[in-house]
Amino acid sequence: MKTIRVREFGDPEVMKLEDAPDLQAAAGQVVVRVKAVGVNPVEAYIRTGTYAIKPALPYTPGSDAAGTVESVGPGVEGFSPGDRVYVGGTLSGAYADLALCEAWQAHPLPPNASFAQGAAVNVPYATAFRALFHFAHAQPGETVLVHGASGGVGVAGVQLARAAGLTVIGTGGTDRGRQLVAVQGAHHVLDHRAPGYLDELLKITQGRGVDVVLEMLANVNLAKDLTILAKGGRVVVIGNRGSIEINPREIMRRDASVSGFVLFNAGRQEVASIHAALVAGLENGTLRPVVGKEIPLKDAPQAHRAVMEPGAFGKIVLVPFAMSA
């Protein structure tokens, strides 16, 4: 099999394509023949060696993939060779031809979703679901601001919130991104690079503010987020790249709250609950992952540079089957 290996922490070029032995499933495990791999910003952070999670070297990056079951280990029920699946977490790393997973990390991929879309499910949709419903406790009829709504998590947040009956305000930094946000179902779309865009938000909400903010770049936006919350509003920090000074009085006067999480902290029961909802959403078409770019596995360094660039548009996916392209 072919796999990307990181033998030292550093810039994207530390990721090298190597040959490795094929994987074998032990008890309770499945091997997935990978057709597409989802690229997430967290993988770029981990690769630098500065993230809170620091894997032992060498390692294969990635947690999200989609493909077909290659083999199953003893005691595995519910999966057979050839089944279409997407995975949320692996034992071996996802940037490869094959991925070894615990059976509970694999989930059915409905026939109406492509492999590339399946690879775009786990981190983006599980993150958005956990933020909206497990942390913000969003309710139908509330209003949510999805900051940076044109990226993978943002698109997921818009679709999930719209399907749950919330009024959705999404932001994007480019015309193309804002068009995508509108197509995905946001009721209102704002340019977060425009001066006074939050004044426009307050006009939309008739001065009340929003009940929930899904924040993708807290070090830039958090202080401002607190000023546009409704009473009892909740900010959930999903992404952050530095420090910021805030005024806690903005929280106090609104009986508001700010929370944050790392998806990897979710327990097995919570993960099962999240993916039961996501599979149902894929089946009924309310969840439609948007793939913005497909890149051959051998060009993983290019994907890591792209995933950190501003102006996100959907999900970046690696395609192992295009390695020779």
C-alpha atoms as a PDB file:
ATOM      1  CA  MET A   1       0.000   0.000   0.000  1.00  0.00           C
ATOM      2  CA  LYS A   2       0.951   3.650  -0.397  1.00  0.00           C
ATOM      3  CA  THR A   3       0.886   5.950   2.607  1.00  0.00           C
ATOM      4  CA  ILE A   4       1.957   9.450   3.622  1.00  0.00           C
ATOM      5  CA  ARG A   5       4.453   9.362   6.499  1.00  0.00           C
ATOM      6  CA  VAL A   6       5.696  12.150   8.740  1.00  0.00           C
ATOM      7  CA  ARG A   7       9.131  11.346  10.193  1.00  0.00           C
ATOM      8  CA  GLU A   8       9.842  14.782  11.620  1.00  0.00           C
ATOM      9  CA  PHE A   9       7.650  17.734  12.572  1.00  0.00           C
ATOM     10  CA  GLY A  10       7.836  20.787  10.346  1.00  0.00           C
ATOM     11  CA  ASP A  11       6.500  22.394   7.187  1.00  0.00           C
ATOM     12  CA  PRO A  12       4.224  20.574   4.716  1.00  0.00           C
ATOM     13  CA  GLU A  13       7.168  19.005   2.874  1.00  0.00           C
ATOM     14  CA  VAL A  14       7.887  16.680   5.824  1.00  0.00           C
ATOM     15  CA  MET A  15       4.997  14.571   4.490  1.00  0.00           C
ATOM     16  CA  LYS A  16       6.420  11.905   2.169  1.00  0.00           C
ATOM     17  CA  LEU A  17       4.719   9.218   0.091  1.00  0.00           C
ATOM     18  CA  GLU A  18       6.070   5.770   1.045  1.00  0.00           C
ATOM     19  CA  ASP A  19       5.378   2.101   0.521  1.00  0.00           C
ATOM     20  CA  ALA A  20       4.137   0.129   3.523  1.00  0.00           C
ATOM     21  CA  PRO A  21       2.801  -3.389   4.182  1.00  0.00           C
ATOM     22  CA  ASP A  22      -0.918  -3.934   3.719  1.00  0.00           C
ATOM     23  CA  LEU A  23      -2.971  -3.734   6.893  1.00  0.00           C
ATOM     24  CA  GLN A  24      -4.674  -6.665   8.609  1.00  0.00           C
ATOM     25  CA  ALA A  25      -7.824  -6.468  10.737  1.00  0.00           C
ATOM     26  CA  ALA A  26      -7.670  -7.932  14.241  1.00  0.00           C
ATOM     27  CA  ALA A  27     -10.684  -8.674  16.436  1.00  0.00           C
ATOM     28  CA  GLY A  28     -13.212  -5.827  16.393  1.00  0.00           C
ATOM     29  CA  GLN A  29     -11.466  -4.037  13.535  1.00  0.00           C
ATOM     30  CA  VAL A  30     -12.062  -3.294   9.861  1.00  0.00           C
ATOM     31  CA  VAL A  31      -9.700  -2.411   7.031  1.00  0.00           C
ATOM     32  CA  VAL A  32     -11.071   0.170   4.589  1.00  0.00           C
ATOM     33  CA  ARG A  33      -9.887   0.554   1.002  1.00  0.00           C
ATOM     34  CA  VAL A  34      -9.657   4.344   0.879  1.00  0.00           C
ATOM     35  CA  LYS A  35     -11.221   6.180  -2.058  1.00  0.00           C
ATOM     36  CA  ALA A  36     -11.034   9.716  -0.623  1.00  0.00           C
ATOM     37  CA  VAL A  37      -9.475  11.417   2.404  1.00  0.00           C
ATOM     38  CA  GLY A  38     -10.715  14.560   4.143  1.00  0.00           C
ATOM     39  CA  VAL A  39      -8.094  17.221   4.957  1.00  0.00           C
ATOM     40  CA  ASN A  40      -8.653  19.227   8.145  1.00  0.00           C
ATOM     41  CA  PRO A  41      -6.763  22.251   9.530  1.00  0.00           C
ATOM     42  CA  VAL A  42      -6.025  20.333  12.744  1.00  0.00           C
ATOM     43  CA  GLU A  43      -3.830  17.965  10.732  1.00  0.00           C
ATOM     44  CA  ALA A  44      -1.682  20.884   9.626  1.00  0.00           C
ATOM     45  CA  TYR A  45      -1.351  22.037  13.241  1.00  0.00           C
ATOM     46  CA  ILE A  46      -0.366  18.543  14.390  1.00  0.00           C
ATOM     47  CA  ARG A  47       2.218  18.232  11.595  1.00  0.00           C
ATOM     48  CA  THR A  48       4.084  21.286  12.896  1.00  0.00           C
ATOM     49  CA  GLY A  49       4.610  19.662  16.295  1.00  0.00           C
ATOM     50  CA  THR A  50       3.169  22.659  18.149  1.00  0.00           C
ATOM     51  CA  TYR A  51      -0.364  21.342  18.701  1.00  0.00           C
ATOM     52  CA  ALA A  52      -1.581  19.943  22.023  1.00  0.00           C
ATOM     53  CA  ILE A  53      -1.787  16.501  20.397  1.00  0.00           C
ATOM     54  CA  LYS A  54       1.692  15.353  19.385  1.00  0.00           C
ATOM     55  CA  PRO A  55       1.798  11.827  17.921  1.00  0.00           C
ATOM     56  CA  ALA A  56       4.849   9.618  18.162  1.00  0.00           C
ATOM     57  CA  LEU A  57       7.021   9.719  15.035  1.00  0.00           C
ATOM     58  CA  PRO A  58       6.736   8.428  12.424  1.00  0.00           C
ATOM     59  CA  TYR A  59       3.009   8.645  11.816  1.00  0.00           C
ATOM     60  CA  THR A  60       0.431   8.825   9.026  1.00  0.00           C
ATOM     61  CA  PRO A  61      -1.845  11.901   9.269  1.00  0.00           C
ATOM     62  CA  GLY A  62      -5.594  12.020   8.983  1.00  0.00           C
ATOM     63  CA  SER A  63      -8.765  10.783  10.626  1.00  0.00           C
ATOM     64  CA  ASP A  64     -11.411  11.175   7.895  1.00  0.00           C
ATOM     65  CA  ALA A  65     -11.834   8.931   4.868  1.00  0.00           C
ATOM     66  CA  ALA A  66     -14.374   7.082   2.778  1.00  0.00           C
ATOM     67  CA  GLY A  67     -14.169   3.916   0.757  1.00  0.00           C
ATOM     68  CA  THR A  68     -15.146   0.268   0.827  1.00  0.00           C
ATOM     69  CA  VAL A  69     -14.591  -2.349   3.494  1.00  0.00           C
ATOM     70  CA  GLU A  70     -11.594  -4.457   2.481  1.00  0.00           C
ATOM     71  CA  SER A  71     -11.713  -6.944   5.349  1.00  0.00           C
ATOM     72  CA  VAL A  72     -13.234  -7.419   8.796  1.00  0.00           C
ATOM     73  CA  GLY A  73     -11.722  -8.944  11.914  1.00  0.00           C
ATOM     74  CA  PRO A  74     -13.274 -11.575  14.199  1.00  0.00           C
ATOM     75  CA  GLY A  75     -16.352 -10.448  16.095  1.00  0.00           C
ATOM     76  CA  VAL A  76     -17.273  -7.601  13.742  1.00  0.00           C
ATOM     77  CA  GLU A  77     -20.972  -7.405  12.962  1.00  0.00           C
ATOM     78  CA  GLY A  78     -22.770  -5.052  10.608  1.00  0.00           C
ATOM     79  CA  PHE A  79     -19.994  -4.733   8.007  1.00  0.00           C
ATOM     80  CA  SER A  80     -18.934  -6.995   5.162  1.00  0.00           C
ATOM     81  CA  PRO A  81     -16.249  -6.663   2.489  1.00  0.00           C
ATOM     82  CA  GLY A  82     -17.421  -4.304  -0.236  1.00  0.00           C
ATOM     83  CA  ASP A  83     -19.678  -2.165   1.994  1.00  0.00           C
ATOM     84  CA  ARG A  84     -19.465   1.591   1.394  1.00  0.00           C
ATOM     85  CA  VAL A  85     -18.385   3.447   4.535  1.00  0.00           C
ATOM     86  CA  TYR A  86     -16.970   6.685   5.828  1.00  0.00           C
ATOM     87  CA  VAL A  87     -14.715   6.694   8.866  1.00  0.00           C
ATOM     88  CA  GLY A  88     -14.407   8.996  11.832  1.00  0.00           C
ATOM     89  CA  GLY A  89     -10.986   8.220  13.231  1.00  0.00           C
ATOM     90  CA  THR A  90      -8.490   5.487  12.397  1.00  0.00           C
ATOM     91  CA  LEU A  91      -5.813   3.421  14.111  1.00  0.00           C
ATOM     92  CA  SER A  92      -3.375   3.753  11.225  1.00  0.00           C
ATOM     93  CA  GLY A  93      -3.974   7.225   9.765  1.00  0.00           C
ATOM     94  CA  ALA A  94      -6.150   8.118   6.800  1.00  0.00           C
ATOM     95  CA  TYR A  95      -3.652   9.516   4.263  1.00  0.00           C
ATOM     96  CA  ALA A  96      -3.160   6.111   2.631  1.00  0.00           C
ATOM     97  CA  ASP A  97      -4.588   3.442   0.306  1.00  0.00           C
ATOM     98  CA  LEU A  98      -5.818   1.456   3.306  1.00  0.00           C
ATOM     99  CA  ALA A  99      -6.998   2.513   6.753  1.00  0.00           C
ATOM    100  CA  LEU A 100      -7.314   0.332   9.838  1.00  0.00           C
ATOM    101  CA  CYS A 101     -10.218   1.253  12.115  1.00  0.00           C
ATOM    102  CA  GLU A 102     -12.086   0.010  15.115  1.00  0.00           C
ATOM    103  CA  ALA A 103     -15.463  -1.152  13.830  1.00  0.00           C
ATOM    104  CA  TRP A 104     -17.237   1.600  15.779  1.00  0.00           C
ATOM    105  CA  GLN A 105     -15.222   4.222  13.856  1.00  0.00           C
ATOM    106  CA  ALA A 106     -16.822   3.156  10.551  1.00  0.00           C
ATOM    107  CA  HIS A 107     -20.255   4.356   9.468  1.00  0.00           C
ATOM    108  CA  PRO A 108     -22.505   3.446   6.511  1.00  0.00           C
ATOM    109  CA  LEU A 109     -22.129   5.740   3.509  1.00  0.00           C
ATOM    110  CA  PRO A 110     -25.508   6.044   1.772  1.00  0.00           C
ATOM    111  CA  PRO A 111     -25.495   5.472  -2.010  1.00  0.00           C
ATOM    112  CA  ASN A 112     -26.588   9.057  -2.694  1.00  0.00           C
ATOM    113  CA  ALA A 113     -23.282  10.376  -1.261  1.00  0.00           C
ATOM    114  CA  SER A 114     -20.013  10.131  -3.192  1.00  0.00           C
ATOM    115  CA  PHE A 115     -16.792   8.890  -1.625  1.00  0.00           C
ATOM    116  CA  ALA A 116     -15.426  12.443  -1.727  1.00  0.00           C
ATOM    117  CA  GLN A 117     -18.497  13.640   0.148  1.00  0.00           C
ATOM    118  CA  GLY A 118     -18.112  10.803   2.642  1.00  0.00           C
ATOM    119  CA  ALA A 119     -14.542  11.911   3.332  1.00  0.00           C
ATOM    120  CA  ALA A 120     -15.924  15.375   4.102  1.00  0.00           C
ATOM    121  CA  VAL A 121     -18.282  14.216   6.852  1.00  0.00           C
ATOM    122  CA  ASN A 122     -16.503  13.356  10.087  1.00  0.00           C
ATOM    123  CA  VAL A 123     -14.615  16.342  11.458  1.00  0.00           C
ATOM    124  CA  PRO A 124     -16.708  19.076   9.786  1.00  0.00           C
ATOM    125  CA  TYR A 125     -20.159  17.654  10.474  1.00  0.00           C
ATOM    126  CA  ALA A 126     -19.435  16.073  13.850  1.00  0.00           C
ATOM    127  CA  THR A 127     -17.842  19.347  14.976  1.00  0.00           C
ATOM    128  CA  ALA A 128     -20.773  21.453  13.785  1.00  0.00           C
ATOM    129  CA  PHE A 129     -23.316  19.029  15.279  1.00  0.00           C
ATOM    130  CA  ARG A 130     -21.540  18.925  18.646  1.00  0.00           C
ATOM    131  CA  ALA A 131     -21.239  22.718  18.701  1.00  0.00           C
ATOM    132  CA  LEU A 132     -24.859  23.388  17.784  1.00  0.00           C
ATOM    133  CA  PHE A 133     -26.649  20.757  19.805  1.00  0.00           C
ATOM    134  CA  HIS A 134     -24.362  19.452  22.549  1.00  0.00           C
ATOM    135  CA  PHE A 135     -22.753  22.755  23.550  1.00  0.00           C
ATOM    136  CA  ALA A 136     -25.033  25.585  22.342  1.00  0.00           C
ATOM    137  CA  HIS A 137     -28.226  23.523  22.857  1.00  0.00           C
ATOM    138  CA  ALA A 138     -29.698  25.286  19.835  1.00  0.00           C
ATOM    139  CA  GLN A 139     -33.471  25.222  19.521  1.00  0.00           C
ATOM    140  CA  PRO A 140     -35.829  25.618  16.554  1.00  0.00           C
ATOM    141  CA  GLY A 141     -36.782  29.258  16.115  1.00  0.00           C
ATOM    142  CA  GLU A 142     -33.463  30.605  17.421  1.00  0.00           C
ATOM    143  CA  THR A 143     -31.014  32.588  15.312  1.00  0.00           C
ATOM    144  CA  VAL A 144     -27.461  31.404  14.707  1.00  0.00           C
ATOM    145  CA  LEU A 145     -24.471  33.234  13.257  1.00  0.00           C
ATOM    146  CA  VAL A 146     -22.055  30.910  11.462  1.00  0.00           C
ATOM    147  CA  HIS A 147     -18.809  32.822  11.183  1.00  0.00           C
ATOM    148  CA  GLY A 148     -16.764  31.614   8.227  1.00  0.00           C
ATOM    149  CA  ALA A 149     -19.659  29.665   6.782  1.00  0.00           C
ATOM    150  CA  SER A 150     -18.033  28.773   3.437  1.00  0.00           C
ATOM    151  CA  GLY A 151     -15.524  26.275   4.872  1.00  0.00           C
ATOM    152  CA  GLY A 152     -16.111  22.630   5.699  1.00  0.00           C
ATOM    153  CA  VAL A 153     -17.379  23.164   9.259  1.00  0.00           C
ATOM    154  CA  GLY A 154     -19.244  26.305   8.237  1.00  0.00           C
ATOM    155  CA  VAL A 155     -21.169  24.586   5.452  1.00  0.00           C
ATOM    156  CA  ALA A 156     -22.023  21.771   7.859  1.00  0.00           C
ATOM    157  CA  GLY A 157     -23.228  24.281  10.447  1.00  0.00           C
ATOM    158  CA  VAL A 158     -25.469  26.038   7.939  1.00  0.00           C
ATOM    159  CA  GLN A 159     -27.046  22.798   6.734  1.00  0.00           C
ATOM    160  CA  LEU A 160     -27.562  21.380  10.218  1.00  0.00           C
ATOM    161  CA  ALA A 161     -29.010  24.609  11.604  1.00  0.00           C
ATOM    162  CA  ARG A 162     -31.333  25.112   8.659  1.00  0.00           C
ATOM    163  CA  ALA A 163     -32.601  21.526   8.882  1.00  0.00           C
ATOM    164  CA  ALA A 164     -33.271  22.017  12.614  1.00  0.00           C
ATOM    165  CA  GLY A 165     -35.457  25.077  12.079  1.00  0.00           C
ATOM    166  CA  LEU A 166     -33.061  27.872  13.058  1.00  0.00           C
ATOM    167  CA  THR A 167     -32.716  31.201  11.294  1.00  0.00           C
ATOM    168  CA  VAL A 168     -29.214  31.136   9.810  1.00  0.00           C
ATOM    169  CA  ILE A 169     -26.897  34.085   9.228  1.00  0.00           C
ATOM    170  CA  GLY A 170     -23.667  33.060   7.518  1.00  0.00           C
ATOM    171  CA  THR A 171     -20.548  35.037   6.683  1.00  0.00           C
ATOM    172  CA  GLY A 172     -17.945  34.640   3.960  1.00  0.00           C
ATOM    173  CA  GLY A 173     -14.889  36.565   2.860  1.00  0.00           C
ATOM    174  CA  THR A 174     -15.296  36.244  -0.920  1.00  0.00           C
ATOM    175  CA  ASP A 175     -18.132  36.604  -3.401  1.00  0.00           C
ATOM    176  CA  ARG A 176     -17.769  32.942  -4.354  1.00  0.00           C
ATOM    177  CA  GLY A 177     -17.847  31.860  -0.728  1.00  0.00           C
ATOM    178  CA  ARG A 178     -20.914  33.959   0.060  1.00  0.00           C
ATOM    179  CA  GLN A 179     -22.744  32.522  -2.941  1.00  0.00           C
ATOM    180  CA  LEU A 180     -21.986  29.049  -1.612  1.00  0.00           C
ATOM    181  CA  VAL A 181     -23.333  29.972   1.830  1.00  0.00           C
ATOM    182  CA  ALA A 182     -26.565  31.224   0.281  1.00  0.00           C
ATOM    183  CA  VAL A 183     -26.974  28.074  -1.823  1.00  0.00           C
ATOM    184  CA  GLN A 184     -26.509  25.919   1.289  1.00  0.00           C
ATOM    185  CA  GLY A 185     -29.527  27.529   2.906  1.00  0.00           C
ATOM    186  CA  ALA A 186     -28.449  30.552   4.947  1.00  0.00           C
ATOM    187  CA  HIS A 187     -31.293  33.044   5.263  1.00  0.00           C
ATOM    188  CA  HIS A 188     -28.873  35.980   5.333  1.00  0.00           C
ATOM    189  CA  VAL A 189     -25.269  36.209   4.112  1.00  0.00           C
ATOM    190  CA  LEU A 190     -22.786  38.878   5.211  1.00  0.00           C
ATOM    191  CA  ASP A 191     -19.254  39.850   4.191  1.00  0.00           C
ATOM    192  CA  HIS A 192     -17.133  39.554   7.339  1.00  0.00           C
ATOM    193  CA  ARG A 193     -14.430  41.663   5.708  1.00  0.00           C
ATOM    194  CA  ALA A 194     -16.762  44.632   5.237  1.00  0.00           C
ATOM    195  CA  PRO A 195     -16.742  47.422   7.842  1.00  0.00           C
ATOM    196  CA  GLY A 196     -20.000  47.520   9.753  1.00  0.00           C
ATOM    197  CA  TYR A 197     -21.157  44.012   8.842  1.00  0.00           C
ATOM    198  CA  LEU A 198     -22.174  43.415  12.445  1.00  0.00           C
ATOM    199  CA  ASP A 199     -24.333  46.546  12.318  1.00  0.00           C
ATOM    200  CA  GLU A 200     -26.116  44.881   9.420  1.00  0.00           C
ATOM    201  CA  LEU A 201     -26.567  41.757  11.560  1.00  0.00           C
ATOM    202  CA  LEU A 202     -28.210  43.804  14.300  1.00  0.00           C
ATOM    203  CA  LYS A 203     -30.566  45.308  11.723  1.00  0.00           C
ATOM    204  CA  ILE A 204     -31.509  41.826  10.511  1.00  0.00           C
ATOM    205  CA  THR A 205     -32.334  40.780  14.089  1.00  0.00           C
ATOM    206  CA  GLN A 206     -34.102  44.101  14.801  1.00  0.00           C
ATOM    207  CA  GLY A 207     -31.484  44.942  17.425  1.00  0.00           C
ATOM    208  CA  ARG A 208     -31.991  41.756  19.418  1.00  0.00           C
ATOM    209  CA  GLY A 209     -28.817  39.970  18.380  1.00  0.00           C
ATOM    210  CA  VAL A 210     -28.263  36.261  17.800  1.00  0.00           C
ATOM    211  CA  ASP A 211     -28.839  33.342  20.143  1.00  0.00           C
ATOM    212  CA  VAL A 212     -25.854  31.286  19.000  1.00  0.00           C
ATOM    213  CA  VAL A 213     -22.503  32.023  17.362  1.00  0.00           C
ATOM    214  CA  LEU A 214     -20.398  29.265  15.819  1.00  0.00           C
ATOM    215  CA  GLU A 215     -16.940  30.845  15.857  1.00  0.00           C
ATOM    216  CA  MET A 216     -14.199  29.561  13.538  1.00  0.00           C
ATOM    217  CA  LEU A 217     -11.562  32.224  14.287  1.00  0.00           C
ATOM    218  CA  ALA A 218     -11.966  33.321  17.887  1.00  0.00           C
ATOM    219  CA  ASN A 219      -8.711  35.270  18.097  1.00  0.00           C
ATOM    220  CA  VAL A 220     -10.125  37.705  15.523  1.00  0.00           C
ATOM    221  CA  ASN A 221     -13.852  37.710  16.264  1.00  0.00           C
ATOM    222  CA  LEU A 222     -14.643  36.720  19.855  1.00  0.00           C
ATOM    223  CA  ALA A 223     -14.636  40.205  21.388  1.00  0.00           C
ATOM    224  CA  LYS A 224     -17.036  41.412  18.692  1.00  0.00           C
ATOM    225  CA  ASP A 225     -19.204  38.299  18.943  1.00  0.00           C
ATOM    226  CA  LEU A 226     -20.016  39.145  22.553  1.00  0.00           C
ATOM    227  CA  THR A 227     -21.508  42.499  21.515  1.00  0.00           C
ATOM    228  CA  ILE A 228     -24.078  40.986  19.129  1.00  0.00           C
ATOM    229  CA  LEU A 229     -25.455  38.257  21.392  1.00  0.00           C
ATOM    230  CA  ALA A 230     -29.069  38.230  22.488  1.00  0.00           C
ATOM    231  CA  LYS A 231     -29.875  37.760  26.161  1.00  0.00           C
ATOM    232  CA  GLY A 232     -28.878  34.225  27.077  1.00  0.00           C
ATOM    233  CA  GLY A 233     -26.754  33.957  23.948  1.00  0.00           C
ATOM    234  CA  ARG A 234     -24.041  31.345  23.524  1.00  0.00           C
ATOM    235  CA  VAL A 235     -20.752  31.483  21.658  1.00  0.00           C
ATOM    236  CA  VAL A 236     -19.105  28.167  20.827  1.00  0.00           C
ATOM    237  CA  VAL A 237     -15.449  28.430  19.875  1.00  0.00           C
ATOM    238  CA  ILE A 238     -14.618  25.926  17.136  1.00  0.00           C
ATOM    239  CA  GLY A 239     -11.387  27.422  15.783  1.00  0.00           C
ATOM    240  CA  ASN A 240      -8.685  29.712  17.137  1.00  0.00           C
ATOM    241  CA  ARG A 241      -5.170  30.746  16.083  1.00  0.00           C
ATOM    242  CA  GLY A 242      -3.994  32.989  18.891  1.00  0.00           C
ATOM    243  CA  SER A 243      -4.945  35.093  21.903  1.00  0.00           C
ATOM    244  CA  ILE A 244      -7.485  37.898  22.227  1.00  0.00           C
ATOM    245  CA  GLU A 245      -8.601  40.365  24.890  1.00  0.00           C
ATOM    246  CA  ILE A 246     -12.314  40.396  25.705  1.00  0.00           C
ATOM    247  CA  ASN A 247     -14.542  42.399  28.054  1.00  0.00           C
ATOM    248  CA  PRO A 248     -16.325  39.940  30.382  1.00  0.00           C
ATOM    249  CA  ARG A 249     -18.995  42.567  31.095  1.00  0.00           C
ATOM    250  CA  GLU A 250     -20.412  41.873  27.640  1.00  0.00           C
ATOM    251  CA  ILE A 251     -21.022  38.305  28.813  1.00  0.00           C
ATOM    252  CA  MET A 252     -22.396  39.332  32.210  1.00  0.00           C
ATOM    253  CA  ARG A 253     -24.924  41.866  30.968  1.00  0.00           C
ATOM    254  CA  ARG A 254     -26.462  39.321  28.599  1.00  0.00           C
ATOM    255  CA  ASP A 255     -26.408  36.265  30.886  1.00  0.00           C
ATOM    256  CA  ALA A 256     -24.353  34.848  28.036  1.00  0.00           C
ATOM    257  CA  SER A 257     -21.796  32.070  27.878  1.00  0.00           C
ATOM    258  CA  VAL A 258     -18.691  31.153  25.910  1.00  0.00           C
ATOM    259  CA  SER A 259     -17.611  27.552  25.515  1.00  0.00           C
ATOM    260  CA  GLY A 260     -15.159  25.633  23.408  1.00  0.00           C
ATOM    261  CA  PHE A 261     -14.218  22.049  22.764  1.00  0.00           C
ATOM    262  CA  VAL A 262     -11.947  19.653  20.928  1.00  0.00           C
ATOM    263  CA  LEU A 263     -13.809  16.989  18.978  1.00  0.00           C
ATOM    264  CA  PHE A 264     -11.304  14.337  20.069  1.00  0.00           C
ATOM    265  CA  ASN A 265     -12.656  14.674  23.641  1.00  0.00           C
ATOM    266  CA  ALA A 266     -16.027  13.222  22.652  1.00  0.00           C
ATOM    267  CA  GLY A 267     -16.674   9.814  24.213  1.00  0.00           C
ATOM    268  CA  ARG A 268     -17.675   6.737  22.283  1.00  0.00           C
ATOM    269  CA  GLN A 269     -21.372   7.005  23.209  1.00  0.00           C
ATOM    270  CA  GLU A 270     -21.499  10.654  22.171  1.00  0.00           C
ATOM    271  CA  VAL A 271     -19.733   9.846  18.895  1.00  0.00           C
ATOM    272  CA  ALA A 272     -22.288   7.122  18.165  1.00  0.00           C
ATOM    273  CA  SER A 273     -25.136   9.545  18.799  1.00  0.00           C
ATOM    274  CA  ILE A 274     -23.640  12.191  16.533  1.00  0.00           C
ATOM    275  CA  HIS A 275     -23.053   9.826  13.626  1.00  0.00           C
ATOM    276  CA  ALA A 276     -26.504   8.280  13.893  1.00  0.00           C
ATOM    277  CA  ALA A 277     -27.848  11.755  13.168  1.00  0.00           C
ATOM    278  CA  LEU A 278     -25.317  12.434  10.408  1.00  0.00           C
ATOM    279  CA  VAL A 279     -26.014   9.178   8.564  1.00  0.00           C
ATOM    280  CA  ALA A 280     -29.737   9.955   8.687  1.00  0.00           C
ATOM    281  CA  GLY A 281     -29.069  13.427   7.298  1.00  0.00           C
ATOM    282  CA  LEU A 282     -27.005  12.004   4.451  1.00  0.00           C
ATOM    283  CA  GLU A 283     -29.731   9.478   3.674  1.00  0.00           C
ATOM    284  CA  ASN A 284     -32.531  12.036   3.529  1.00  0.00           C
ATOM    285  CA  GLY A 285     -30.449  14.639   1.686  1.00  0.00           C
ATOM    286  CA  THR A 286     -30.542  17.422   4.280  1.00  0.00           C
ATOM    287  CA  LEU A 287     -26.765  17.045   4.664  1.00  0.00           C
ATOM    288  CA  ARG A 288     -24.820  17.541   1.430  1.00  0.00           C
ATOM    289  CA  PRO A 289     -21.051  17.861   1.943  1.00  0.00           C
ATOM    290  CA  VAL A 290     -19.470  20.297  -0.492  1.00  0.00           C
ATOM    291  CA  VAL A 291     -16.116  19.275  -1.946  1.00  0.00           C
ATOM    292  CA  GLY A 292     -14.215  22.330  -3.085  1.00  0.00           C
ATOM    293  CA  LYS A 293     -11.008  20.692  -4.307  1.00  0.00           C
ATOM    294  CA  GLU A 294      -9.650  17.202  -4.962  1.00  0.00           C
ATOM    295  CA  ILE A 295      -5.868  16.730  -4.765  1.00  0.00           C
ATOM    296  CA  PRO A 296      -3.836  13.533  -5.377  1.00  0.00           C
ATOM    297  CA  LEU A 297      -2.516  11.883  -2.234  1.00  0.00           C
ATOM    298  CA  LYS A 298       1.068  12.356  -3.375  1.00  0.00           C
ATOM    299  CA  ASP A 299       0.477  16.128  -3.256  1.00  0.00           C
ATOM    300  CA  ALA A 300      -0.534  16.168   0.423  1.00  0.00           C
ATOM    301  CA  PRO A 301       1.835  19.127   1.116  1.00  0.00           C
ATOM    302  CA  GLN A 302      -0.162  21.198  -1.380  1.00  0.00           C
ATOM    303  CA  ALA A 303      -3.374  20.260   0.439  1.00  0.00           C
ATOM    304  CA  HIS A 304      -1.939  21.359   3.803  1.00  0.00           C
ATOM    305  CA  ARG A 305      -0.985  24.730   2.397  1.00  0.00           C
ATOM    306  CA  ALA A 306      -4.402  25.158   0.805  1.00  0.00           C
ATOM    307  CA  VAL A 307      -6.382  24.231   3.935  1.00  0.00           C
ATOM    308  CA  MET A 308      -4.737  27.099   5.851  1.00  0.00           C
ATOM    309  CA  GLU A 309      -5.439  29.763   3.240  1.00  0.00           C
ATOM    310  CA  PRO A 310      -8.232  32.339   3.728  1.00  0.00           C
ATOM    311  CA  GLY A 311     -11.322  32.276   1.557  1.00  0.00           C
ATOM    312  CA  ALA A 312     -12.351  28.691   2.309  1.00  0.00           C
ATOM    313  CA  PHE A 313     -14.705  27.018  -0.157  1.00  0.00           C
ATOM    314  CA  GLY A 314     -16.022  23.650   0.897  1.00  0.00           C
ATOM    315  CA  LYS A 315     -13.812  20.691   1.748  1.00  0.00           C
ATOM    316  CA  ILE A 316     -10.363  19.761   0.471  1.00  0.00           C
ATOM    317  CA  VAL A 317     -10.113  16.035  -0.297  1.00  0.00           C
ATOM    318  CA  LEU A 318      -7.138  13.812  -1.113  1.00  0.00           C
ATOM    319  CA  VAL A 319      -7.758  11.075  -3.674  1.00  0.00           C
ATOM    320  CA  PRO A 320      -5.429   8.063  -3.406  1.00  0.00           C
ATOM    321  CA  PHE A 321      -6.657   6.606  -6.682  1.00  0.00           C
ATOM    322  CA  ALA A 322      -5.252   9.682  -8.490  1.00  0.00           C
ATOM    323  CA  MET A 323      -1.701   9.199  -7.180  1.00  0.00           C
ATOM    324  CA  SER A 324      -0.319   8.567 -10.645  1.00  0.00           C
ATOM    325  CA  ALA A 325      -2.175  11.494 -12.200  1.00  0.00           C
END
